Amino acid sequence: MTPESALEICHYTLVTAAKLAAPHLIATIVIGMLMNILQTVTQLKDQSLTFVPKIVVVGAVGLLALPWEMQVVNAYFTYILDMFGTV
């Protein structure tokens, strides 16, 4: 295994991890901003008001994105297994 191929595997791993985390992180940021605006308007400052909606939204995003995430993981493992054949 050459240093270039090891670097390529590391790069592909980081890109795949970013792809898998992006929908959850974006949903968390959006719902957090919306809840902060709601709390500012209503002047309610309770931590559970932001925590519970984030958990619900991230769970829903996880269920909706599951088929796509499985395709991404499948492509990643196919790539890694193909790399084993070249080593």
C-alpha atoms as a PDB file:
ATOM      1  CA  MET A   1       0.000   0.000   0.000  1.00  0.00           C
ATOM      2  CA  THR A   2       1.401   3.331  -1.023  1.00  0.00           C
ATOM      3  CA  PRO A   3       1.069   6.517   1.000  1.00  0.00           C
ATOM      4  CA  GLU A   4      -1.128   7.944  -1.769  1.00  0.00           C
ATOM      5  CA  SER A   5      -3.625   5.104  -1.533  1.00  0.00           C
ATOM      6  CA  ALA A   6      -3.707   5.376   2.266  1.00  0.00           C
ATOM      7  CA  LEU A   7      -4.353   9.100   1.945  1.00  0.00           C
ATOM      8  CA  GLU A   8      -7.093   8.402  -0.595  1.00  0.00           C
ATOM      9  CA  ILE A   9      -8.782   5.955   1.793  1.00  0.00           C
ATOM     10  CA  CYS A  10      -8.588   8.496   4.635  1.00  0.00           C
ATOM     11  CA  HIS A  11     -10.052  11.207   2.409  1.00  0.00           C
ATOM     12  CA  TYR A  12     -12.916   8.992   1.246  1.00  0.00           C
ATOM     13  CA  THR A  13     -13.616   7.965   4.855  1.00  0.00           C
ATOM     14  CA  LEU A  14     -13.831  11.580   6.018  1.00  0.00           C
ATOM     15  CA  VAL A  15     -16.063  12.551   3.086  1.00  0.00           C
ATOM     16  CA  THR A  16     -18.371   9.619   3.810  1.00  0.00           C
ATOM     17  CA  ALA A  17     -18.562  10.534   7.502  1.00  0.00           C
ATOM     18  CA  ALA A  18     -19.398  14.130   6.598  1.00  0.00           C
ATOM     19  CA  LYS A  19     -22.116  12.975   4.188  1.00  0.00           C
ATOM     20  CA  LEU A  20     -23.684  10.785   6.855  1.00  0.00           C
ATOM     21  CA  ALA A  21     -23.576  13.457   9.558  1.00  0.00           C
ATOM     22  CA  ALA A  22     -24.736  16.413   7.447  1.00  0.00           C
ATOM     23  CA  PRO A  23     -28.529  15.813   7.446  1.00  0.00           C
ATOM     24  CA  HIS A  24     -28.613  15.343  11.215  1.00  0.00           C
ATOM     25  CA  LEU A  25     -26.434  18.369  11.914  1.00  0.00           C
ATOM     26  CA  ILE A  26     -28.375  20.629   9.549  1.00  0.00           C
ATOM     27  CA  ALA A  27     -31.685  19.559  11.075  1.00  0.00           C
ATOM     28  CA  THR A  28     -30.338  20.189  14.581  1.00  0.00           C
ATOM     29  CA  ILE A  29     -29.077  23.660  13.661  1.00  0.00           C
ATOM     30  CA  VAL A  30     -32.340  24.646  11.953  1.00  0.00           C
ATOM     31  CA  ILE A  31     -34.593  23.430  14.764  1.00  0.00           C
ATOM     32  CA  GLY A  32     -32.276  25.005  17.352  1.00  0.00           C
ATOM     33  CA  MET A  33     -32.493  28.376  15.627  1.00  0.00           C
ATOM     34  CA  LEU A  34     -36.268  28.140  15.332  1.00  0.00           C
ATOM     35  CA  MET A  35     -36.648  27.202  18.984  1.00  0.00           C
ATOM     36  CA  ASN A  36     -34.348  30.052  20.053  1.00  0.00           C
ATOM     37  CA  ILE A  37     -36.461  32.508  18.061  1.00  0.00           C
ATOM     38  CA  LEU A  38     -39.596  31.088  19.674  1.00  0.00           C
ATOM     39  CA  GLN A  39     -38.056  31.356  23.141  1.00  0.00           C
ATOM     40  CA  THR A  40     -36.972  34.927  22.483  1.00  0.00           C
ATOM     41  CA  VAL A  41     -40.422  35.950  21.303  1.00  0.00           C
ATOM     42  CA  THR A  42     -42.245  34.269  24.190  1.00  0.00           C
ATOM     43  CA  GLN A  43     -39.500  35.006  26.763  1.00  0.00           C
ATOM     44  CA  LEU A  44     -39.471  31.393  27.950  1.00  0.00           C
ATOM     45  CA  LYS A  45     -36.021  30.135  28.940  1.00  0.00           C
ATOM     46  CA  ASP A  46     -36.371  26.423  29.611  1.00  0.00           C
ATOM     47  CA  GLN A  47     -33.688  23.990  28.386  1.00  0.00           C
ATOM     48  CA  SER A  48     -36.152  21.167  27.772  1.00  0.00           C
ATOM     49  CA  LEU A  49     -37.996  23.321  25.238  1.00  0.00           C
ATOM     50  CA  THR A  50     -35.009  23.085  22.888  1.00  0.00           C
ATOM     51  CA  PHE A  51     -33.845  19.575  23.750  1.00  0.00           C
ATOM     52  CA  VAL A  52     -37.045  17.612  23.120  1.00  0.00           C
ATOM     53  CA  PRO A  53     -37.817  19.035  19.636  1.00  0.00           C
ATOM     54  CA  LYS A  54     -34.213  18.447  18.565  1.00  0.00           C
ATOM     55  CA  ILE A  55     -34.416  14.778  19.567  1.00  0.00           C
ATOM     56  CA  VAL A  56     -37.733  14.345  17.722  1.00  0.00           C
ATOM     57  CA  VAL A  57     -36.491  16.075  14.561  1.00  0.00           C
ATOM     58  CA  VAL A  58     -33.182  14.204  14.488  1.00  0.00           C
ATOM     59  CA  GLY A  59     -35.060  10.916  14.920  1.00  0.00           C
ATOM     60  CA  ALA A  60     -37.412  11.793  12.058  1.00  0.00           C
ATOM     61  CA  VAL A  61     -34.515  12.842   9.829  1.00  0.00           C
ATOM     62  CA  GLY A  62     -32.739   9.607  10.706  1.00  0.00           C
ATOM     63  CA  LEU A  63     -35.728   7.549   9.625  1.00  0.00           C
ATOM     64  CA  LEU A  64     -36.255   9.525   6.425  1.00  0.00           C
ATOM     65  CA  ALA A  65     -32.578   9.482   5.464  1.00  0.00           C
ATOM     66  CA  LEU A  66     -32.005   5.810   6.304  1.00  0.00           C
ATOM     67  CA  PRO A  67     -32.288   4.432   2.733  1.00  0.00           C
ATOM     68  CA  TRP A  68     -29.882   7.073   1.422  1.00  0.00           C
ATOM     69  CA  GLU A  69     -27.483   6.473   4.322  1.00  0.00           C
ATOM     70  CA  MET A  70     -27.494   2.744   3.604  1.00  0.00           C
ATOM     71  CA  GLN A  71     -26.576   3.462  -0.030  1.00  0.00           C
ATOM     72  CA  VAL A  72     -23.693   5.700   1.075  1.00  0.00           C
ATOM     73  CA  VAL A  73     -22.382   3.085   3.524  1.00  0.00           C
ATOM     74  CA  ASN A  74     -22.768   0.345   0.916  1.00  0.00           C
ATOM     75  CA  ALA A  75     -20.781   2.399  -1.617  1.00  0.00           C
ATOM     76  CA  TYR A  76     -18.096   3.037   1.005  1.00  0.00           C
ATOM     77  CA  PHE A  77     -17.670  -0.635   1.869  1.00  0.00           C
ATOM     78  CA  THR A  78     -17.680  -1.587  -1.806  1.00  0.00           C
ATOM     79  CA  TYR A  79     -14.894   0.943  -2.382  1.00  0.00           C
ATOM     80  CA  ILE A  80     -12.878  -0.374   0.577  1.00  0.00           C
ATOM     81  CA  LEU A  81     -13.295  -3.983  -0.517  1.00  0.00           C
ATOM     82  CA  ASP A  82     -12.211  -3.065  -4.039  1.00  0.00           C
ATOM     83  CA  MET A  83      -9.121  -1.435  -2.553  1.00  0.00           C
ATOM     84  CA  PHE A  84      -8.262  -4.710  -0.811  1.00  0.00           C
ATOM     85  CA  GLY A  85      -8.101  -6.356  -4.207  1.00  0.00           C
ATOM     86  CA  THR A  86      -5.521  -3.863  -5.434  1.00  0.00           C
ATOM     87  CA  VAL A  87      -3.273  -4.097  -2.366  1.00  0.00           C
END
